[in-house]
Amino acid sequence: VKIAKDAAFAEQLAKVFKKGKFQLYLQFDGVQEAGQRALRGADLRDLRAQCLERCGEAEIPVTLAMTVTPANLDFLWETVAAGLGQRHVRGVSFQPEFRSGRGEGEKRRLNTADIILNVVEQSRGALRFEDFTPLPCGDPNCATIGYLLRTPAGVRSISDFVDFASVQGFLQDRVRYSLEDLAQCGCESEPLGQILKQFELDESHAFRLFIKPFMDAGTWDEDRIDRCCTHVIRPDGMLDSFCRYYSGFVQ
């Protein structure tokens, strides 16, 4: 909101931006009207468009963070297409809606499979199931990542070039993890980790699709908490699991 409405702030942000050290996550609930007001209390699409335009002028990289609900589930690929059309947008983070004190009544809960099935179907062949893989760190249900490639010939499926299944040795045993495994957070020494790192460094071509199902009381998974490798620093200085900390249940 501040970037869109405060030109001076946007200019200052552009000046302090250093390539490779900074990226904006922009709340972006799709290009459609459906679901916008239920999530935010208003239709903020024009405001987001202004923010994206200013970020583009300043060459500030942006990831679109989409809270996915049953109301906007049909518009996943349209969101991806909107991001692909803007060179400074590096990807989309799909976050199935979770309960953290807001919302009333029972709603259909969405998960990682819902996101993948729907976005692949909506893409009409531009995106494939093979373009996704669990992150090689922590629990395989914690986060899923995929890529599309921007090329001179147009957008290409990453599975045209890389077979994720052939480099998933780290994920072969999804039940037992050793301390040595978790010590490799980021897993750059693993074949899959090396590939993912290469994609992240290649900002001009790689377009990231990230799926992160956060947890609440109804979707609590202690195994994920125990294997978590995405942490936050609490006010007392201790590390805590990202999902546990933001669930609202931490004392």
Protein backbone atom coordinates (compact mmCIF):
# COMPACT_ATOMS: atom_id res chain seq x y z
CA VAL A 1 0.00 0.00 0.00
CA LYS A 2 2.79 2.39 0.91
CA ILE A 3 4.74 1.68 -2.28
CA ALA A 4 1.65 2.36 -4.39
CA LYS A 5 0.63 5.56 -2.61
CA ASP A 6 3.95 7.06 -1.50
CA ALA A 7 6.23 7.89 -4.44
CA ALA A 8 9.02 9.14 -2.18
CA PHE A 9 9.04 5.90 -0.23
CA ALA A 10 9.15 3.87 -3.45
CA GLU A 11 12.10 5.93 -4.68
CA GLN A 12 13.95 5.46 -1.40
CA LEU A 13 13.30 1.72 -1.54
CA ALA A 14 14.74 1.59 -5.04
CA LYS A 15 17.90 3.36 -3.89
CA VAL A 16 18.62 0.93 -1.07
CA PHE A 17 17.80 -2.11 -3.15
CA LYS A 18 20.83 -4.28 -3.82
CA LYS A 19 20.63 -7.01 -6.40
CA GLY A 20 20.51 -10.46 -4.88
CA LYS A 21 19.86 -9.17 -1.36
CA PHE A 22 16.26 -8.06 -1.44
CA GLN A 23 12.90 -9.24 -2.74
CA LEU A 24 9.33 -8.17 -2.09
CA TYR A 25 6.53 -10.57 -1.30
CA LEU A 26 3.35 -8.89 -2.52
CA GLN A 27 -0.08 -9.96 -1.31
CA PHE A 28 -1.82 -10.95 -4.55
CA ASP A 29 -5.08 -12.91 -4.46
CA GLY A 30 -5.50 -13.28 -8.22
CA VAL A 31 -6.47 -11.16 -11.18
CA GLN A 32 -10.19 -11.89 -10.69
CA GLU A 33 -12.75 -10.19 -8.45
CA ALA A 34 -14.02 -13.39 -6.82
CA GLY A 35 -12.79 -13.84 -3.26
CA GLN A 36 -11.02 -10.49 -2.97
CA ARG A 37 -13.42 -8.81 -0.57
CA ALA A 38 -13.89 -11.91 1.57
CA LEU A 39 -10.14 -12.08 2.14
CA ARG A 40 -9.23 -8.39 2.45
CA GLY A 41 -12.46 -6.50 3.02
CA ALA A 42 -11.94 -4.64 -0.27
CA ASP A 43 -10.97 -5.14 -3.90
CA LEU A 44 -7.29 -4.12 -3.90
CA ARG A 45 -6.41 -5.14 -7.47
CA ASP A 46 -5.82 -1.59 -8.73
CA LEU A 47 -3.63 -0.80 -5.72
CA ARG A 48 -1.55 -3.92 -6.33
CA ALA A 49 -1.21 -2.99 -10.01
CA GLN A 50 0.18 0.41 -9.01
CA CYS A 51 2.64 -1.22 -6.65
CA LEU A 52 3.80 -3.69 -9.31
CA GLU A 53 4.25 -0.91 -11.84
CA ARG A 54 6.47 1.06 -9.48
CA CYS A 55 8.49 -2.04 -8.60
CA GLY A 56 8.98 -2.69 -12.29
CA GLU A 57 10.24 0.83 -12.89
CA ALA A 58 12.72 0.37 -10.01
CA GLU A 59 13.63 -3.17 -11.15
CA ILE A 60 12.78 -4.55 -7.72
CA PRO A 61 12.11 -8.31 -7.84
CA VAL A 62 8.66 -9.39 -6.60
CA THR A 63 7.06 -12.68 -5.62
CA LEU A 64 3.26 -12.76 -5.76
CA ALA A 65 1.87 -14.33 -2.56
CA MET A 66 -1.58 -15.76 -3.24
CA THR A 67 -3.81 -16.95 -0.41
CA VAL A 68 -5.79 -19.71 -2.10
CA THR A 69 -9.44 -20.29 -1.16
CA PRO A 70 -12.27 -22.22 -2.83
CA ALA A 71 -13.41 -18.87 -4.27
CA ASN A 72 -10.19 -18.16 -6.18
CA LEU A 73 -9.01 -21.74 -6.79
CA ASP A 74 -10.09 -21.53 -10.44
CA PHE A 75 -7.72 -18.64 -11.12
CA LEU A 76 -4.33 -20.10 -10.22
CA TRP A 77 -2.97 -20.21 -13.76
CA GLU A 78 -4.27 -16.70 -14.53
CA THR A 79 -2.19 -15.51 -11.59
CA VAL A 80 0.87 -17.37 -12.92
CA ALA A 81 0.30 -15.89 -16.39
CA ALA A 82 0.04 -12.40 -14.90
CA GLY A 83 3.39 -12.89 -13.18
CA LEU A 84 5.07 -14.32 -16.27
CA GLY A 85 4.05 -11.22 -18.17
CA GLN A 86 6.15 -8.96 -15.92
CA ARG A 87 9.90 -9.50 -16.00
CA HIS A 88 10.50 -8.29 -12.45
CA VAL A 89 8.03 -10.84 -11.04
CA ARG A 90 10.14 -13.86 -10.07
CA GLY A 91 7.34 -16.26 -9.18
CA VAL A 92 4.16 -17.06 -7.28
CA SER A 93 3.83 -18.41 -3.75
CA PHE A 94 0.55 -20.31 -3.32
CA GLN A 95 -0.57 -20.44 0.30
CA PRO A 96 -3.74 -22.47 1.01
CA GLU A 97 -5.89 -20.54 3.48
CA PHE A 98 -5.41 -21.56 7.10
CA ARG A 99 -7.26 -20.58 10.28
CA SER A 100 -5.49 -18.17 12.58
CA GLY A 101 -8.36 -16.45 14.35
CA ARG A 102 -10.17 -15.05 11.30
CA GLY A 103 -13.11 -16.43 9.35
CA GLU A 104 -16.35 -18.03 10.42
CA GLY A 105 -18.08 -21.26 9.51
CA GLU A 106 -16.76 -24.42 7.93
CA LYS A 107 -14.98 -24.06 4.61
CA ARG A 108 -13.39 -26.61 2.35
CA ARG A 109 -9.75 -26.97 3.32
CA LEU A 110 -7.25 -26.92 0.48
CA ASN A 111 -3.89 -28.66 0.41
CA THR A 112 -0.83 -29.01 -1.81
CA ALA A 113 -2.49 -31.59 -4.05
CA ASP A 114 -5.44 -29.25 -4.70
CA ILE A 115 -3.04 -26.54 -5.85
CA ILE A 116 -1.00 -28.78 -8.16
CA LEU A 117 -4.00 -30.56 -9.71
CA ASN A 118 -5.83 -27.32 -10.43
CA VAL A 119 -2.94 -25.20 -11.71
CA VAL A 120 -1.76 -27.99 -14.04
CA GLU A 121 -5.26 -28.49 -15.43
CA GLN A 122 -5.83 -24.76 -15.85
CA SER A 123 -2.52 -24.31 -17.70
CA ARG A 124 -3.71 -26.50 -20.60
CA GLY A 125 -0.37 -28.24 -20.97
CA ALA A 126 1.94 -25.33 -20.21
CA LEU A 127 2.61 -26.76 -16.75
CA ARG A 128 3.05 -30.42 -15.81
CA PHE A 129 3.04 -32.52 -12.66
CA GLU A 130 6.70 -33.28 -13.36
CA ASP A 131 7.55 -29.58 -12.91
CA PHE A 132 7.04 -29.89 -9.11
CA THR A 133 9.09 -31.52 -6.37
CA PRO A 134 9.12 -31.42 -2.54
CA LEU A 135 11.90 -29.25 -1.19
CA PRO A 136 14.91 -31.41 -0.27
CA CYS A 137 14.89 -30.30 3.35
CA GLY A 138 12.65 -31.01 6.31
CA ASP A 139 9.37 -32.86 5.80
CA PRO A 140 8.31 -33.47 2.16
CA ASN A 141 4.79 -32.27 3.00
CA CYS A 142 6.12 -28.93 4.22
CA ALA A 143 6.86 -27.18 0.95
CA THR A 144 6.67 -27.95 -2.76
CA ILE A 145 8.53 -26.03 -5.44
CA GLY A 146 8.29 -25.93 -9.21
CA TYR A 147 9.66 -23.87 -12.07
CA LEU A 148 8.82 -22.58 -15.50
CA LEU A 149 11.51 -21.19 -17.76
CA ARG A 150 11.33 -17.95 -19.70
CA THR A 151 13.17 -18.47 -22.98
CA PRO A 152 13.51 -16.51 -26.23
CA ALA A 153 11.09 -19.04 -27.72
CA GLY A 154 8.53 -18.49 -24.96
CA VAL A 155 7.67 -20.12 -21.64
CA ARG A 156 8.93 -23.69 -21.35
CA SER A 157 8.22 -26.49 -18.90
CA ILE A 158 11.20 -27.21 -16.64
CA SER A 159 10.59 -30.95 -17.14
CA ASP A 160 11.69 -30.48 -20.76
CA PHE A 161 15.20 -30.05 -19.39
CA VAL A 162 15.35 -31.61 -15.90
CA ASP A 163 13.94 -34.87 -14.55
CA PHE A 164 13.29 -34.08 -10.89
CA ALA A 165 12.58 -37.76 -10.18
CA SER A 166 16.14 -38.72 -11.11
CA VAL A 167 17.73 -36.35 -8.58
CA GLN A 168 15.53 -37.02 -5.55
CA GLY A 169 17.83 -39.44 -3.77
CA PHE A 170 17.64 -37.27 -0.66
CA LEU A 171 13.85 -37.73 -0.61
CA GLN A 172 13.81 -41.45 -1.26
CA ASP A 173 13.28 -42.30 2.41
CA ARG A 174 10.50 -39.93 3.46
CA VAL A 175 10.04 -41.40 6.93
CA ARG A 176 13.49 -41.44 8.49
CA TYR A 177 15.66 -38.32 8.61
CA SER A 178 18.99 -38.13 10.41
CA LEU A 179 20.49 -35.11 12.12
CA GLU A 180 23.09 -35.05 9.36
CA ASP A 181 20.29 -34.68 6.80
CA LEU A 182 18.74 -31.76 8.62
CA ALA A 183 22.14 -30.14 9.09
CA GLN A 184 22.22 -29.75 5.32
CA CYS A 185 19.39 -27.23 5.43
CA GLY A 186 19.15 -25.99 1.87
CA CYS A 187 20.78 -29.25 0.77
CA GLU A 188 23.12 -27.59 -1.70
CA SER A 189 25.39 -30.65 -1.68
CA GLU A 190 22.54 -32.83 -2.95
CA PRO A 191 21.92 -33.05 -6.73
CA LEU A 192 18.41 -31.63 -6.41
CA GLY A 193 19.63 -28.86 -4.11
CA GLN A 194 22.29 -27.88 -6.63
CA ILE A 195 19.69 -27.61 -9.39
CA LEU A 196 17.34 -25.52 -7.27
CA LYS A 197 20.17 -23.18 -6.31
CA GLN A 198 21.03 -22.73 -9.98
CA PHE A 199 17.43 -21.80 -10.78
CA GLU A 200 17.31 -19.27 -7.95
CA LEU A 201 20.48 -17.58 -9.19
CA ASP A 202 19.16 -17.41 -12.76
CA GLU A 203 16.65 -14.62 -12.21
CA SER A 204 16.28 -13.81 -15.90
CA HIS A 205 14.88 -17.21 -16.84
CA ALA A 206 13.60 -19.15 -13.83
CA PHE A 207 10.02 -18.47 -12.66
CA ARG A 208 9.38 -20.07 -9.27
CA LEU A 209 6.12 -21.72 -8.21
CA PHE A 210 6.10 -22.29 -4.45
CA ILE A 211 3.38 -24.06 -2.46
CA LYS A 212 3.42 -23.58 1.30
CA PRO A 213 0.53 -25.04 3.36
CA PHE A 214 0.74 -23.36 6.76
CA MET A 215 -0.69 -25.17 9.76
CA ASP A 216 -3.46 -24.42 12.21
CA ALA A 217 -5.33 -26.46 14.85
CA GLY A 218 -7.22 -28.42 12.21
CA THR A 219 -4.21 -29.27 10.05
CA TRP A 220 -1.59 -29.72 12.78
CA ASP A 221 1.19 -32.14 11.81
CA GLU A 222 3.72 -32.75 14.58
CA ASP A 223 6.01 -34.68 12.22
CA ARG A 224 6.38 -31.55 10.10
CA ILE A 225 7.15 -29.50 13.20
CA ASP A 226 9.79 -31.99 14.34
CA ARG A 227 11.50 -32.00 10.93
CA CYS A 228 11.12 -28.29 10.25
CA CYS A 229 14.09 -26.52 8.68
CA THR A 230 12.40 -23.13 8.21
CA HIS A 231 12.74 -21.20 11.44
CA VAL A 232 12.06 -17.79 12.92
CA ILE A 233 13.84 -16.07 15.79
CA ARG A 234 11.47 -15.57 18.71
CA PRO A 235 11.58 -12.45 20.89
CA ASP A 236 13.52 -14.44 23.50
CA GLY A 237 16.22 -15.19 20.92
CA MET A 238 15.40 -18.88 20.52
CA LEU A 239 14.69 -20.55 17.17
CA ASP A 240 11.21 -21.89 16.52
CA SER A 241 9.45 -23.66 13.67
CA PHE A 242 7.92 -21.15 11.25
CA CYS A 243 4.53 -22.93 11.26
CA ARG A 244 4.40 -23.42 15.02
CA TYR A 245 5.36 -19.82 15.73
CA TYR A 246 2.73 -18.32 13.40
CA SER A 247 -0.03 -20.76 14.34
CA GLY A 248 -0.86 -18.64 17.37
CA PHE A 249 -0.45 -21.54 19.81
CA VAL A 250 3.03 -20.59 21.03
CA GLN A 251 3.12 -19.45 24.65
